Amino acid sequence: MISNTERRFFGHPVGLSTLFFTEMWERFSYYGMRALLILFLRAPSSSGGLGLDVTVAGTLYGLYTSAAYLAALPGGWLADRFFGPQNAVLYGGILIAIGQFVLAVPEIWATILGLSLIAAGTGLLKPNVSTIVGQLYDEKDRRRDAGFSIFYMGINIGAMISPIVCGWIGQTISYRYGFAAAGVGMIFGLVQYQLGRKNLGTAGRDPAPRRVNLAEGGRGEWTSEEIRRLLALGILVAASAIFWSLFEQAGSTLNLFAEDKTRNEAFGVAFPSSWFQSLNSIFLILFAPPLAWLWLKLGERDPSPVVKFTLGLLLVGAGFLVVVPAAREAEGGALVSPIWLTVLYLLHTIGELCLSPVGLSATTKLAPLRVAGFMMGVWFLSISIGNFVGGQVSSLYGSMALPELFQTVGLVGVASGVVLALFTKPITRLMGGVR
């Protein structure tokens, strides 16, 4: 064990609690802002928005969200080479907080600068906080996957609360105040991180040992096992990119569908459309523990990461196919029941649980320690690519018939899952026993 072992957090190293709450507040900040972003970009200036055409707004949304995850690649490399993951998390959090408050300034330059700062900060914080989680455990510690499941709960508690808080403030008072509220959340995360940093011990404290310099062309001593594992990781990264290109329609296409085509009320009580963004996290919190218990209960029969990725792709595709009838109904001018989006987010959530925490854990096990931060950046690169592609898809909203759009997106997910399923055994062999 690398970190402090005298105290425990749900049976895990106490440092996990520090990272749990750091990620919880960072995701509060990110998802609070994301719930408002495309609505803010499209809203007229009289309502406090930028008044952009929906095509331009969708493209800009995709560029920002992809940049935030693309920045994880240099963010992981900088931590490996210079800062160490612990310092990278601190610096990233500071940039995010500053960026959120800059967004609150009612000027177009502030929007561009604020989004740039948040993207850079996310690139430093996201890959490195996950790297530190992996380094809390010895290589053979079987608690690692469970530790990532607990860590993932922190992500989704923040993501659940933030659209409710920031979304309500942004849509009922001012978008700018909603962004400021997201900044306050990041400050809370920074304060608790500094107070609890001592619990991390040596995990992520120093830059990685240098046996290979990727910036100089990859020269170094790579074993055949490392090469096979990195190849397997590359395949998982590609599958992840497809998954996130579909899943991340939540903040764009599905957010607009909730605003324009859905009856936003429950039991006779109206609510802001941005509140749909909390459904994913509510379902995650509800279903993560039983699903983690199921994987553990299966023991040796626990599905391989490749099988779980396949399930993730199939479910995210199925979610879109389920709402095709609702899209047809909406084409006739009716506001559809909120049940449709609720079912979609349920399917997407179970798919996410099959893929995302499994991918984080697999990355820390498959990547050599000396490039752990960089390879975690590669994992987040898949989310960046997914967000960019998803942004391009969202730009079709309004110009392509909704039933056709949802059906096409859904079939891509299902077909990708089928293809991955066909190659399960060879990919699993490449992983060399990593489960």
Foldseek 3Di string as FASTA:
>chain_A
DQFDDPDDDVNAQPVLVLLLQLLLLLLLLVLLLLLCQLVQQCDDVVQVHVNDDLLVSLLVQLQLQLLLLLLLQVLLVCCQPPFFLLVLQLVLLVLLLVLLLLLLPSDPVSPVSSSVSNSNSSSNNVLSSLQLLLQSDDLPDPCSLVSLLSSVLSNLNSQQVNCQVLVCCCNPPNNSVSSNVSSVSSVVSSVSSVVSVNRSRCRRRHHFDDQFDVVVPTDGDDDPLLVLLVVLLVVLLQLLLLLLLLVVCVSFVVLVCLVQAAQQDDPRHHDRSSSLSNLLSVLSNVCSVVVVVVLVVCPVPRDDLLLLSLQLLLLSLVLLLQCLVVLVVSVVVHHHYCVSSNSSSNSNNSSCSSHPSSSSSSLSNSHPRSSSSNSSSSSSSSNSSSSSSSSNLSSCVPVDRSSVSSNVSSVSSNVSSVVSVVCVVVSVVSNPPDD
